[in-house]
PDB file of N, CA and C in Angstrom:
ATOM      1  N   UNK A   1      47.854  21.107 -83.970  1.00  0.00           N
ATOM      2  CA  UNK A   1      47.379  20.406 -83.057  1.00  0.00           C
ATOM      3  C   UNK A   1      46.628  21.666 -81.771  1.00  0.00           C
ATOM      4  N   UNK A   2      45.506  21.734 -81.418  1.00  0.00           N
ATOM      5  CA  UNK A   2      44.502  22.910 -81.182  1.00  0.00           C
ATOM      6  C   UNK A   2      45.102  22.912 -79.275  1.00  0.00           C
ATOM      7  N   UNK A   3      44.696  24.043 -78.792  1.00  0.00           N
ATOM      8  CA  UNK A   3      45.232  24.471 -77.313  1.00  0.00           C
ATOM      9  C   UNK A   3      43.714  24.553 -76.746  1.00  0.00           C
ATOM     10  N   UNK A   4      42.584  23.677 -76.548  1.00  0.00           N
ATOM     11  CA  UNK A   4      42.541  24.370 -75.958  1.00  0.00           C
ATOM     12  C   UNK A   4      42.610  23.366 -74.223  1.00  0.00           C
ATOM     13  N   UNK A   5      41.724  24.364 -74.114  1.00  0.00           N
ATOM     14  CA  UNK A   5      41.902  23.658 -72.198  1.00  0.00           C
ATOM     15  C   UNK A   5      40.633  22.750 -71.445  1.00  0.00           C
ATOM     16  N   UNK A   6      41.622  22.065 -70.076  1.00  0.00           N
ATOM     17  CA  UNK A   6      39.811  21.298 -70.011  1.00  0.00           C
ATOM     18  C   UNK A   6      40.000  22.051 -68.673  1.00  0.00           C
ATOM     19  N   UNK A   7      38.597  20.902 -68.505  1.00  0.00           N
ATOM     20  CA  UNK A   7      37.567  22.708 -67.299  1.00  0.00           C
ATOM     21  C   UNK A   7      38.857  23.483 -66.600  1.00  0.00           C
ATOM     22  N   UNK A   8      40.210  22.625 -65.362  1.00  0.00           N
ATOM     23  CA  UNK A   8      41.098  23.250 -64.717  1.00  0.00           C
ATOM     24  C   UNK A   8      41.736  24.687 -65.687  1.00  0.00           C
ATOM     25  N   UNK A   9      41.122  24.830 -66.507  1.00  0.00           N
ATOM     26  CA  UNK A   9      42.559  25.319 -67.675  1.00  0.00           C
ATOM     27  C   UNK A   9      43.768  25.173 -66.896  1.00  0.00           C
ATOM     28  N   UNK A  10      44.364  24.641 -66.728  1.00  0.00           N
ATOM     29  CA  UNK A  10      45.899  24.180 -66.051  1.00  0.00           C
ATOM     30  C   UNK A  10      46.584  23.464 -66.947  1.00  0.00           C
ATOM     31  N   UNK A  11      45.866  22.720 -67.328  1.00  0.00           N
ATOM     32  CA  UNK A  11      46.917  21.751 -68.765  1.00  0.00           C
ATOM     33  C   UNK A  11      46.097  21.676 -69.850  1.00  0.00           C
ATOM     34  N   UNK A  12      46.582  21.908 -70.691  1.00  0.00           N
ATOM     35  CA  UNK A  12      46.557  21.572 -72.445  1.00  0.00           C
ATOM     36  C   UNK A  12      45.542  20.208 -72.338  1.00  0.00           C
ATOM     37  N   UNK A  13      44.337  20.137 -74.097  1.00  0.00           N
ATOM     38  CA  UNK A  13      44.073  18.928 -73.498  1.00  0.00           C
ATOM     39  C   UNK A  13      45.069  18.050 -73.966  1.00  0.00           C
ATOM     40  N   UNK A  14      45.897  18.609 -74.300  1.00  0.00           N
ATOM     41  CA  UNK A  14      46.616  17.286 -75.004  1.00  0.00           C
ATOM     42  C   UNK A  14      47.575  16.647 -74.156  1.00  0.00           C
ATOM     43  N   UNK A  15      47.468  17.688 -72.944  1.00  0.00           N
ATOM     44  CA  UNK A  15      48.382  16.846 -71.768  1.00  0.00           C
ATOM     45  C   UNK A  15      47.953  16.244 -70.621  1.00  0.00           C
ATOM     46  N   UNK A  16      46.061  16.322 -70.779  1.00  0.00           N
ATOM     47  CA  UNK A  16      45.769  15.397 -69.543  1.00  0.00           C
ATOM     48  C   UNK A  16      46.284  14.434 -69.261  1.00  0.00           C
ATOM     49  N   UNK A  17      46.248  13.416 -71.084  1.00  0.00           N
ATOM     50  CA  UNK A  17      46.663  12.076 -71.087  1.00  0.00           C
ATOM     51  C   UNK A  17      47.982  11.694 -70.075  1.00  0.00           C
ATOM     52  N   UNK A  18      49.117  11.991 -70.317  1.00  0.00           N
ATOM     53  CA  UNK A  18      50.138  12.738 -69.730  1.00  0.00           C
ATOM     54  C   UNK A  18      50.112  12.287 -67.887  1.00  0.00           C
ATOM     55  N   UNK A  19      49.036  13.856 -68.200  1.00  0.00           N
ATOM     56  CA  UNK A  19      48.572  13.883 -66.654  1.00  0.00           C
ATOM     57  C   UNK A  19      48.029  13.352 -65.356  1.00  0.00           C
ATOM     58  N   UNK A  20      47.419  12.669 -66.587  1.00  0.00           N
ATOM     59  CA  UNK A  20      46.258  11.246 -65.869  1.00  0.00           C
ATOM     60  C   UNK A  20      47.327   9.648 -65.737  1.00  0.00           C
ATOM     61  N   UNK A  21      47.870   9.430 -66.601  1.00  0.00           N
ATOM     62  CA  UNK A  21      48.678   8.781 -66.441  1.00  0.00           C
ATOM     63  C   UNK A  21      49.736   8.556 -65.058  1.00  0.00           C
ATOM     64  N   UNK A  22      50.723  10.010 -65.176  1.00  0.00           N
ATOM     65  CA  UNK A  22      50.947  11.058 -63.790  1.00  0.00           C
ATOM     66  C   UNK A  22      50.458  10.418 -62.798  1.00  0.00           C
ATOM     67  N   UNK A  23      49.408  10.709 -62.582  1.00  0.00           N
ATOM     68  CA  UNK A  23      48.150  10.942 -61.464  1.00  0.00           C
ATOM     69  C   UNK A  23      48.457   9.066 -60.617  1.00  0.00           C
ATOM     70  N   UNK A  24      48.901   8.547 -61.833  1.00  0.00           N
ATOM     71  CA  UNK A  24      48.551   6.621 -61.393  1.00  0.00           C
ATOM     72  C   UNK A  24      48.579   6.373 -60.326  1.00  0.00           C
ATOM     73  N   UNK A  25      50.758   6.971 -60.271  1.00  0.00           N
ATOM     74  CA  UNK A  25      51.997   7.454 -59.423  1.00  0.00           C
ATOM     75  C   UNK A  25      51.914   7.529 -58.327  1.00  0.00           C
ATOM     76  N   UNK A  26      50.860   8.600 -57.999  1.00  0.00           N
ATOM     77  CA  UNK A  26      50.749   9.323 -57.149  1.00  0.00           C
ATOM     78  C   UNK A  26      50.605   8.033 -56.348  1.00  0.00           C
ATOM     79  N   UNK A  27      51.828   8.573 -54.803  1.00  0.00           N
ATOM     80  CA  UNK A  27      50.768   7.474 -52.564  1.00  0.00           C
ATOM     81  C   UNK A  27      50.583   8.315 -52.742  1.00  0.00           C
ATOM     82  N   UNK A  28      50.728   8.371 -50.922  1.00  0.00           N
ATOM     83  CA  UNK A  28      48.990   9.281 -50.050  1.00  0.00           C
ATOM     84  C   UNK A  28      50.688   9.740 -50.064  1.00  0.00           C
ATOM     85  N   UNK A  29      51.998   9.427 -49.735  1.00  0.00           N
ATOM     86  CA  UNK A  29      52.983  10.024 -49.194  1.00  0.00           C
ATOM     87  C   UNK A  29      53.345  11.165 -49.989  1.00  0.00           C
ATOM     88  N   UNK A  30      53.493  11.055 -50.687  1.00  0.00           N
ATOM     89  CA  UNK A  30      53.569  12.130 -52.175  1.00  0.00           C
ATOM     90  C   UNK A  30      52.596  13.847 -51.649  1.00  0.00           C
ATOM     91  N   UNK A  31      51.830  13.078 -51.282  1.00  0.00           N
ATOM     92  CA  UNK A  31      50.793  14.230 -51.496  1.00  0.00           C
ATOM     93  C   UNK A  31      50.205  15.425 -50.779  1.00  0.00           C
ATOM     94  N   UNK A  32      51.425  14.824 -49.187  1.00  0.00           N
ATOM     95  CA  UNK A  32      51.552  15.478 -48.213  1.00  0.00           C
ATOM     96  C   UNK A  32      50.748  16.242 -47.603  1.00  0.00           C
ATOM     97  N   UNK A  33      49.489  15.993 -46.882  1.00  0.00           N
ATOM     98  CA  UNK A  33      48.436  16.302 -46.214  1.00  0.00           C
ATOM     99  C   UNK A  33      48.727  16.060 -44.672  1.00  0.00           C
ATOM    100  N   UNK A  34      47.397  17.122 -44.476  1.00  0.00           N
ATOM    101  CA  UNK A  34      47.486  17.304 -42.332  1.00  0.00           C
ATOM    102  C   UNK A  34      46.616  16.135 -41.802  1.00  0.00           C
ATOM    103  N   UNK A  35      46.958  15.889 -40.949  1.00  0.00           N
ATOM    104  CA  UNK A  35      45.971  14.293 -40.487  1.00  0.00           C
ATOM    105  C   UNK A  35      44.640  13.861 -40.942  1.00  0.00           C
ATOM    106  N   UNK A  36      43.591  15.297 -40.922  1.00  0.00           N
ATOM    107  CA  UNK A  36      42.450  14.869 -41.302  1.00  0.00           C
ATOM    108  C   UNK A  36      42.177  14.734 -42.743  1.00  0.00           C
ATOM    109  N   UNK A  37      42.995  15.346 -43.662  1.00  0.00           N
ATOM    110  CA  UNK A  37      42.800  14.431 -44.919  1.00  0.00           C
ATOM    111  C   UNK A  37      43.709  13.784 -45.242  1.00  0.00           C
ATOM    112  N   UNK A  38      44.165  13.696 -44.591  1.00  0.00           N
ATOM    113  CA  UNK A  38      45.179  11.782 -44.268  1.00  0.00           C
ATOM    114  C   UNK A  38      44.743  10.452 -44.052  1.00  0.00           C
ATOM    115  N   UNK A  39      43.873  10.842 -43.428  1.00  0.00           N
ATOM    116  CA  UNK A  39      42.397  10.148 -42.781  1.00  0.00           C
ATOM    117  C   UNK A  39      41.416   9.750 -43.368  1.00  0.00           C
ATOM    118  N   UNK A  40      41.317  11.388 -44.604  1.00  0.00           N
ATOM    119  CA  UNK A  40      40.195  10.598 -45.239  1.00  0.00           C
ATOM    120  C   UNK A  40      40.685  10.031 -46.746  1.00  0.00           C
ATOM    121  N   UNK A  41      41.572  10.357 -47.202  1.00  0.00           N
ATOM    122  CA  UNK A  41      42.154   9.972 -48.150  1.00  0.00           C
ATOM    123  C   UNK A  41      42.531   8.161 -48.030  1.00  0.00           C
ATOM    124  N   UNK A  42      42.752   7.883 -46.770  1.00  0.00           N
ATOM    125  CA  UNK A  42      42.367   6.210 -46.328  1.00  0.00           C
ATOM    126  C   UNK A  42      41.879   5.380 -46.373  1.00  0.00           C
ATOM    127  N   UNK A  43      40.432   6.253 -46.155  1.00  0.00           N
ATOM    128  CA  UNK A  43      39.050   5.713 -46.176  1.00  0.00           C
ATOM    129  C   UNK A  43      38.906   5.774 -47.480  1.00  0.00           C
ATOM    130  N   UNK A  44      39.160   6.584 -48.416  1.00  0.00           N
ATOM    131  CA  UNK A  44      38.453   6.930 -49.305  1.00  0.00           C
ATOM    132  C   UNK A  44      38.667   5.808 -50.328  1.00  0.00           C
ATOM    133  N   UNK A  45      40.612   6.796 -50.439  1.00  0.00           N
ATOM    134  CA  UNK A  45      41.282   5.455 -51.154  1.00  0.00           C
ATOM    135  C   UNK A  45      41.376   6.554 -51.475  1.00  0.00           C
ATOM    136  N   UNK A  46      43.222   6.951 -52.678  1.00  0.00           N
ATOM    137  CA  UNK A  46      43.675   7.383 -53.279  1.00  0.00           C
ATOM    138  C   UNK A  46      42.547   8.070 -54.160  1.00  0.00           C
ATOM    139  N   UNK A  47      42.654   7.090 -55.426  1.00  0.00           N
ATOM    140  CA  UNK A  47      41.440   7.632 -56.410  1.00  0.00           C
ATOM    141  C   UNK A  47      40.655   8.302 -56.360  1.00  0.00           C
ATOM    142  N   UNK A  48      39.928   8.454 -55.754  1.00  0.00           N
ATOM    143  CA  UNK A  48      37.876   8.448 -55.009  1.00  0.00           C
ATOM    144  C   UNK A  48      38.412   9.582 -53.805  1.00  0.00           C
ATOM    145  N   UNK A  49      39.319  10.006 -53.244  1.00  0.00           N
ATOM    146  CA  UNK A  49      40.115  10.646 -53.616  1.00  0.00           C
ATOM    147  C   UNK A  49      40.615  12.261 -53.438  1.00  0.00           C
ATOM    148  N   UNK A  50      41.652  11.534 -54.512  1.00  0.00           N
ATOM    149  CA  UNK A  50      41.634  13.042 -56.083  1.00  0.00           C
ATOM    150  C   UNK A  50      40.742  13.639 -56.287  1.00  0.00           C
ATOM    151  N   UNK A  51      39.742  12.409 -57.094  1.00  0.00           N
ATOM    152  CA  UNK A  51      38.080  13.202 -57.763  1.00  0.00           C
ATOM    153  C   UNK A  51      37.442  14.164 -56.740  1.00  0.00           C
ATOM    154  N   UNK A  52      37.460  13.325 -55.577  1.00  0.00           N
ATOM    155  CA  UNK A  52      36.243  13.719 -54.543  1.00  0.00           C
ATOM    156  C   UNK A  52      37.148  15.965 -54.313  1.00  0.00           C
ATOM    157  N   UNK A  53      38.679  15.155 -54.025  1.00  0.00           N
ATOM    158  CA  UNK A  53      39.239  17.224 -53.684  1.00  0.00           C
ATOM    159  C   UNK A  53      38.951  17.715 -55.597  1.00  0.00           C
ATOM    160  N   UNK A  54      38.768  16.712 -56.538  1.00  0.00           N
ATOM    161  CA  UNK A  54      39.262  17.929 -58.191  1.00  0.00           C
ATOM    162  C   UNK A  54      37.245  18.657 -57.737  1.00  0.00           C
ATOM    163  N   UNK A  55      36.611  17.559 -57.325  1.00  0.00           N
ATOM    164  CA  UNK A  55      35.241  18.480 -57.267  1.00  0.00           C
ATOM    165  C   UNK A  55      35.054  19.513 -56.483  1.00  0.00           C
ATOM    166  N   UNK A  56      35.477  19.227 -55.254  1.00  0.00           N
ATOM    167  CA  UNK A  56      34.658  20.025 -53.388  1.00  0.00           C
ATOM    168  C   UNK A  56      36.354  20.684 -53.151  1.00  0.00           C
ATOM    169  N   UNK A  57      37.298  20.678 -54.192  1.00  0.00           N
ATOM    170  CA  UNK A  57      38.587  21.382 -53.740  1.00  0.00           C
ATOM    171  C   UNK A  57      37.871  22.546 -52.675  1.00  0.00           C
ATOM    172  N   UNK A  58      39.141  23.426 -52.050  1.00  0.00           N
ATOM    173  CA  UNK A  58      38.713  24.665 -51.482  1.00  0.00           C
ATOM    174  C   UNK A  58      37.452  25.603 -51.414  1.00  0.00           C
ATOM    175  N   UNK A  59      36.566  23.893 -50.576  1.00  0.00           N
ATOM    176  CA  UNK A  59      34.860  24.667 -50.325  1.00  0.00           C
ATOM    177  C   UNK A  59      34.401  23.855 -49.620  1.00  0.00           C
ATOM    178  N   UNK A  60      33.582  25.112 -48.587  1.00  0.00           N
ATOM    179  CA  UNK A  60      33.845  24.467 -47.562  1.00  0.00           C
ATOM    180  C   UNK A  60      32.180  23.844 -47.054  1.00  0.00           C
ATOM    181  N   UNK A  61      32.752  22.292 -46.679  1.00  0.00           N
ATOM    182  CA  UNK A  61      31.761  21.310 -46.940  1.00  0.00           C
ATOM    183  C   UNK A  61      30.971  20.587 -46.070  1.00  0.00           C
ATOM    184  N   UNK A  62      29.754  20.734 -45.485  1.00  0.00           N
ATOM    185  CA  UNK A  62      29.014  20.128 -44.345  1.00  0.00           C
ATOM    186  C   UNK A  62      28.913  18.457 -45.012  1.00  0.00           C
ATOM    187  N   UNK A  63      29.554  17.089 -43.716  1.00  0.00           N
ATOM    188  CA  UNK A  63      29.246  16.166 -44.542  1.00  0.00           C
ATOM    189  C   UNK A  63      27.734  15.388 -43.032  1.00  0.00           C
ATOM    190  N   UNK A  64      26.690  15.218 -43.213  1.00  0.00           N
ATOM    191  CA  UNK A  64      25.785  14.804 -42.365  1.00  0.00           C
ATOM    192  C   UNK A  64      26.166  13.499 -41.624  1.00  0.00           C
ATOM    193  N   UNK A  65      25.999  13.712 -40.249  1.00  0.00           N
ATOM    194  CA  UNK A  65      25.896  12.264 -39.502  1.00  0.00           C
ATOM    195  C   UNK A  65      25.270  11.208 -39.883  1.00  0.00           C
ATOM    196  N   UNK A  66      26.493  10.043 -39.486  1.00  0.00           N
ATOM    197  CA  UNK A  66      26.050   9.083 -40.741  1.00  0.00           C
ATOM    198  C   UNK A  66      24.936   8.804 -40.059  1.00  0.00           C
ATOM    199  N   UNK A  67      24.313   8.440 -38.567  1.00  0.00           N
ATOM    200  CA  UNK A  67      22.745   8.626 -37.826  1.00  0.00           C
ATOM    201  C   UNK A  67      21.443   9.234 -39.150  1.00  0.00           C
ATOM    202  N   UNK A  68      22.057  10.279 -38.870  1.00  0.00           N
ATOM    203  CA  UNK A  68      20.581  11.601 -39.945  1.00  0.00           C
ATOM    204  C   UNK A  68      20.850  10.601 -40.939  1.00  0.00           C
ATOM    205  N   UNK A  69      21.844  10.187 -41.895  1.00  0.00           N
ATOM    206  CA  UNK A  69      21.898   9.969 -42.793  1.00  0.00           C
ATOM    207  C   UNK A  69      20.652   8.308 -42.832  1.00  0.00           C
ATOM    208  N   UNK A  70      21.092   7.708 -41.994  1.00  0.00           N
ATOM    209  CA  UNK A  70      20.584   6.086 -42.217  1.00  0.00           C
ATOM    210  C   UNK A  70      19.172   6.267 -41.521  1.00  0.00           C
ATOM    211  N   UNK A  71      18.541   7.179 -40.272  1.00  0.00           N
ATOM    212  CA  UNK A  71      17.382   7.341 -39.664  1.00  0.00           C
ATOM    213  C   UNK A  71      16.502   8.302 -41.094  1.00  0.00           C
ATOM    214  N   UNK A  72      16.759   8.713 -41.740  1.00  0.00           N
ATOM    215  CA  UNK A  72      16.323   9.658 -43.119  1.00  0.00           C
ATOM    216  C   UNK A  72      16.125   8.517 -44.141  1.00  0.00           C
ATOM    217  N   UNK A  73      16.953   7.650 -44.559  1.00  0.00           N
ATOM    218  CA  UNK A  73      16.578   6.113 -45.575  1.00  0.00           C
ATOM    219  C   UNK A  73      15.406   5.453 -44.904  1.00  0.00           C
ATOM    220  N   UNK A  74      15.701   5.271 -43.814  1.00  0.00           N
ATOM    221  CA  UNK A  74      14.866   4.389 -43.115  1.00  0.00           C
ATOM    222  C   UNK A  74      13.507   5.039 -42.511  1.00  0.00           C
ATOM    223  N   UNK A  75      12.604   5.969 -42.805  1.00  0.00           N
ATOM    224  CA  UNK A  75      11.610   6.155 -42.338  1.00  0.00           C
ATOM    225  C   UNK A  75      10.892   6.584 -43.174  1.00  0.00           C
ATOM    226  N   UNK A  76      11.918   7.566 -44.972  1.00  0.00           N
ATOM    227  CA  UNK A  76      11.645   7.154 -46.222  1.00  0.00           C
ATOM    228  C   UNK A  76      11.259   5.520 -47.117  1.00  0.00           C
ATOM    229  N   UNK A  77      11.796   4.945 -46.297  1.00  0.00           N
ATOM    230  CA  UNK A  77      11.264   3.677 -46.158  1.00  0.00           C
ATOM    231  C   UNK A  77      10.593   2.876 -45.710  1.00  0.00           C
ATOM    232  N   UNK A  78      10.028   3.400 -44.126  1.00  0.00           N
ATOM    233  CA  UNK A  78       8.738   3.087 -43.385  1.00  0.00           C
ATOM    234  C   UNK A  78       7.262   3.713 -43.985  1.00  0.00           C
ATOM    235  N   UNK A  79       7.241   5.140 -44.739  1.00  0.00           N
ATOM    236  CA  UNK A  79       6.618   5.873 -45.139  1.00  0.00           C
ATOM    237  C   UNK A  79       6.362   5.343 -46.611  1.00  0.00           C
ATOM    238  N   UNK A  80       6.418   4.189 -47.055  1.00  0.00           N
ATOM    239  CA  UNK A  80       6.726   3.652 -48.791  1.00  0.00           C
ATOM    240  C   UNK A  80       5.504   2.664 -48.062  1.00  0.00           C
ATOM    241  N   UNK A  81       6.604   1.400 -47.042  1.00  0.00           N
ATOM    242  CA  UNK A  81       5.926   0.416 -46.612  1.00  0.00           C
ATOM    243  C   UNK A  81       4.595  -0.005 -46.319  1.00  0.00           C
ATOM    244  N   UNK A  82       4.411   2.035 -45.403  1.00  0.00           N
ATOM    245  CA  UNK A  82       3.744   1.675 -44.694  1.00  0.00           C
ATOM    246  C   UNK A  82       2.144   1.619 -45.333  1.00  0.00           C
ATOM    247  N   UNK A  83       0.962   0.170 -44.577  1.00  0.00           N
ATOM    248  CA  UNK A  83      -0.741   0.946 -45.864  1.00  0.00           C
ATOM    249  C   UNK A  83      -1.321   0.474 -44.837  1.00  0.00           C
ATOM    250  N   UNK A  84      -1.445   1.611 -43.271  1.00  0.00           N
ATOM    251  CA  UNK A  84      -2.285   1.646 -42.496  1.00  0.00           C
ATOM    252  C   UNK A  84      -2.446   0.147 -41.404  1.00  0.00           C
ATOM    253  N   UNK A  85      -2.523  -0.897 -42.321  1.00  0.00           N
ATOM    254  CA  UNK A  85      -3.036  -2.624 -41.741  1.00  0.00           C
ATOM    255  C   UNK A  85      -1.456  -2.660 -41.275  1.00  0.00           C
ATOM    256  N   UNK A  86      -0.539  -2.633 -41.482  1.00  0.00           N
ATOM    257  CA  UNK A  86       0.904  -2.459 -41.188  1.00  0.00           C
ATOM    258  C   UNK A  86       1.972  -1.939 -40.035  1.00  0.00           C
ATOM    259  N   UNK A  87       1.493  -1.906 -38.907  1.00  0.00           N
ATOM    260  CA  UNK A  87       2.437  -0.927 -37.681  1.00  0.00           C
ATOM    261  C   UNK A  87       2.872  -2.037 -37.373  1.00  0.00           C
ATOM    262  N   UNK A  88       2.311  -2.720 -36.528  1.00  0.00           N
ATOM    263  CA  UNK A  88       3.447  -3.785 -35.627  1.00  0.00           C
ATOM    264  C   UNK A  88       3.773  -4.294 -36.111  1.00  0.00           C
ATOM    265  N   UNK A  89       3.792  -5.030 -37.851  1.00  0.00           N
ATOM    266  CA  UNK A  89       4.950  -5.220 -38.783  1.00  0.00           C
ATOM    267  C   UNK A  89       6.479  -4.687 -39.553  1.00  0.00           C
ATOM    268  N   UNK A  90       6.297  -3.408 -39.658  1.00  0.00           N
ATOM    269  CA  UNK A  90       7.236  -2.069 -39.343  1.00  0.00           C
ATOM    270  C   UNK A  90       8.103  -2.106 -38.105  1.00  0.00           C
ATOM    271  N   UNK A  91       6.785  -1.542 -36.494  1.00  0.00           N
ATOM    272  CA  UNK A  91       7.473  -2.001 -35.906  1.00  0.00           C
ATOM    273  C   UNK A  91       8.975  -2.576 -35.012  1.00  0.00           C
ATOM    274  N   UNK A  92       8.143  -4.337 -35.785  1.00  0.00           N
ATOM    275  CA  UNK A  92       9.361  -5.552 -35.318  1.00  0.00           C
ATOM    276  C   UNK A  92      10.414  -5.209 -36.368  1.00  0.00           C
ATOM    277  N   UNK A  93      10.005  -4.688 -37.818  1.00  0.00           N
ATOM    278  CA  UNK A  93      11.055  -5.177 -38.986  1.00  0.00           C
ATOM    279  C   UNK A  93      12.262  -3.783 -38.310  1.00  0.00           C
ATOM    280  N   UNK A  94      11.728  -2.745 -38.281  1.00  0.00           N
ATOM    281  CA  UNK A  94      12.861  -1.840 -37.911  1.00  0.00           C
ATOM    282  C   UNK A  94      13.251  -1.510 -36.255  1.00  0.00           C
ATOM    283  N   UNK A  95      12.686  -2.247 -35.373  1.00  0.00           N
ATOM    284  CA  UNK A  95      12.717  -2.124 -33.999  1.00  0.00           C
ATOM    285  C   UNK A  95      12.503  -0.973 -33.395  1.00  0.00           C
ATOM    286  N   UNK A  96      11.248  -0.327 -33.948  1.00  0.00           N
ATOM    287  CA  UNK A  96      10.768   0.815 -32.916  1.00  0.00           C
ATOM    288  C   UNK A  96       9.361   0.421 -33.054  1.00  0.00           C
ATOM    289  N   UNK A  97       9.048   1.408 -31.903  1.00  0.00           N
ATOM    290  CA  UNK A  97       7.415   1.110 -31.113  1.00  0.00           C
ATOM    291  C   UNK A  97       6.321   1.697 -32.277  1.00  0.00           C
ATOM    292  N   UNK A  98       5.684   0.846 -32.365  1.00  0.00           N
ATOM    293  CA  UNK A  98       4.560   1.638 -33.222  1.00  0.00           C
ATOM    294  C   UNK A  98       3.774   3.088 -32.887  1.00  0.00           C
ATOM    295  N   UNK A  99       4.237   3.733 -31.909  1.00  0.00           N
ATOM    296  CA  UNK A  99       3.907   4.935 -31.417  1.00  0.00           C
ATOM    297  C   UNK A  99       5.151   5.644 -32.834  1.00  0.00           C
ATOM    298  N   UNK A 100       6.542   6.073 -32.211  1.00  0.00           N
ATOM    299  CA  UNK A 100       7.162   6.195 -33.214  1.00  0.00           C
ATOM    300  C   UNK A 100       7.030   6.066 -34.767  1.00  0.00           C
ATOM    301  N   UNK A 101       6.577   4.771 -35.467  1.00  0.00           N
ATOM    302  CA  UNK A 101       5.954   4.259 -36.832  1.00  0.00           C
ATOM    303  C   UNK A 101       5.435   5.216 -37.000  1.00  0.00           C
ATOM    304  N   UNK A 102       4.375   5.323 -35.877  1.00  0.00           N
ATOM    305  CA  UNK A 102       2.670   6.648 -35.993  1.00  0.00           C
ATOM    306  C   UNK A 102       3.298   7.728 -36.477  1.00  0.00           C
ATOM    307  N   UNK A 103       3.981   7.808 -35.330  1.00  0.00           N
ATOM    308  CA  UNK A 103       4.941   9.353 -36.111  1.00  0.00           C
ATOM    309  C   UNK A 103       5.666   9.833 -37.548  1.00  0.00           C
ATOM    310  N   UNK A 104       6.176   8.778 -37.885  1.00  0.00           N
ATOM    311  CA  UNK A 104       7.120   9.330 -38.997  1.00  0.00           C
ATOM    312  C   UNK A 104       6.122   9.031 -39.735  1.00  0.00           C
ATOM    313  N   UNK A 105       4.425   8.129 -40.260  1.00  0.00           N
ATOM    314  CA  UNK A 105       3.418   8.751 -41.320  1.00  0.00           C
ATOM    315  C   UNK A 105       3.212   9.354 -41.167  1.00  0.00           C
ATOM    316  N   UNK A 106       2.374   9.705 -39.532  1.00  0.00           N
ATOM    317  CA  UNK A 106       1.421  10.597 -39.650  1.00  0.00           C
ATOM    318  C   UNK A 106       1.446  11.633 -40.429  1.00  0.00           C
ATOM    319  N   UNK A 107       1.808  12.693 -41.200  1.00  0.00           N
ATOM    320  CA  UNK A 107       1.347  13.464 -42.751  1.00  0.00           C
ATOM    321  C   UNK A 107       1.758  12.886 -44.153  1.00  0.00           C
ATOM    322  N   UNK A 108       1.379  11.739 -43.454  1.00  0.00           N
ATOM    323  CA  UNK A 108       1.737  11.110 -45.113  1.00  0.00           C
ATOM    324  C   UNK A 108       0.344  11.051 -46.022  1.00  0.00           C
ATOM    325  N   UNK A 109      -0.917  10.846 -44.853  1.00  0.00           N
ATOM    326  CA  UNK A 109      -2.309  11.167 -45.909  1.00  0.00           C
ATOM    327  C   UNK A 109      -2.579  12.383 -46.164  1.00  0.00           C
ATOM    328  N   UNK A 110      -1.815  13.842 -45.555  1.00  0.00           N
ATOM    329  CA  UNK A 110      -2.183  14.656 -46.060  1.00  0.00           C
ATOM    330  C   UNK A 110      -2.417  15.450 -47.336  1.00  0.00           C
ATOM    331  N   UNK A 111      -1.362  14.548 -47.677  1.00  0.00           N
ATOM    332  CA  UNK A 111      -0.488  16.028 -48.869  1.00  0.00           C
ATOM    333  C   UNK A 111      -2.575  15.797 -50.031  1.00  0.00           C
ATOM    334  N   UNK A 112      -2.845  15.223 -50.216  1.00  0.00           N
ATOM    335  CA  UNK A 112      -3.783  15.106 -51.013  1.00  0.00           C
ATOM    336  C   UNK A 112      -5.478  15.432 -51.192  1.00  0.00           C
ATOM    337  N   UNK A 113      -5.607  15.490 -49.184  1.00  0.00           N
ATOM    338  CA  UNK A 113      -6.719  15.072 -48.141  1.00  0.00           C
ATOM    339  C   UNK A 113      -6.812  17.201 -48.647  1.00  0.00           C
ATOM    340  N   UNK A 114      -8.029  17.800 -49.105  1.00  0.00           N
ATOM    341  CA  UNK A 114      -9.088  18.996 -49.055  1.00  0.00           C
ATOM    342  C   UNK A 114      -9.333  19.555 -47.135  1.00  0.00           C
ATOM    343  N   UNK A 115      -8.742  20.704 -46.666  1.00  0.00           N
ATOM    344  CA  UNK A 115      -8.590  20.994 -45.171  1.00  0.00           C
ATOM    345  C   UNK A 115     -10.118  21.928 -45.329  1.00  0.00           C
ATOM    346  N   UNK A 116     -10.213  21.840 -44.506  1.00  0.00           N
ATOM    347  CA  UNK A 116     -11.597  22.777 -44.110  1.00  0.00           C
ATOM    348  C   UNK A 116     -11.408  24.707 -44.160  1.00  0.00           C
ATOM    349  N   UNK A 117     -10.173  24.563 -43.927  1.00  0.00           N
ATOM    350  CA  UNK A 117      -9.043  25.564 -44.602  1.00  0.00           C
ATOM    351  C   UNK A 117      -9.085  26.417 -45.290  1.00  0.00           C
ATOM    352  N   UNK A 118      -8.966  25.108 -46.172  1.00  0.00           N
ATOM    353  CA  UNK A 118      -8.653  25.068 -47.632  1.00  0.00           C
ATOM    354  C   UNK A 118      -9.507  26.288 -48.295  1.00  0.00           C
ATOM    355  N   UNK A 119      -8.954  27.608 -49.271  1.00  0.00           N
ATOM    356  CA  UNK A 119      -9.837  28.513 -50.359  1.00  0.00           C
ATOM    357  C   UNK A 119     -10.373  27.585 -51.668  1.00  0.00           C
ATOM    358  N   UNK A 120     -11.482  27.977 -51.553  1.00  0.00           N
ATOM    359  CA  UNK A 120     -11.823  27.680 -52.864  1.00  0.00           C
ATOM    360  C   UNK A 120     -12.145  27.895 -53.953  1.00  0.00           C
TER     361      UNK A 120
END
């Protein structure tokens, strides 16, 4: 039997199956977590938490604010739906002023336009 190692180099490949079975039995109390990590584990669920820790454990990670992520997604959707004639419709749909919709789509048409300052 070969002695290849998995990604973490901590367990031999033939031990991984036993490790995976053992991990299924772990509870949140077995992990001895601080309050922040315990809250994260409860939010994600233990399986997702363990995957998250395996991927990002030990690294400094910035997590965007909830509102900022939703705002970026909303603005992207507005840009995709905008057709120059539907300001009022988009304003009602996204509960924004028409002026805010204009601000969001302001640079949309500029990408393929030639500027008088462009060099030929």
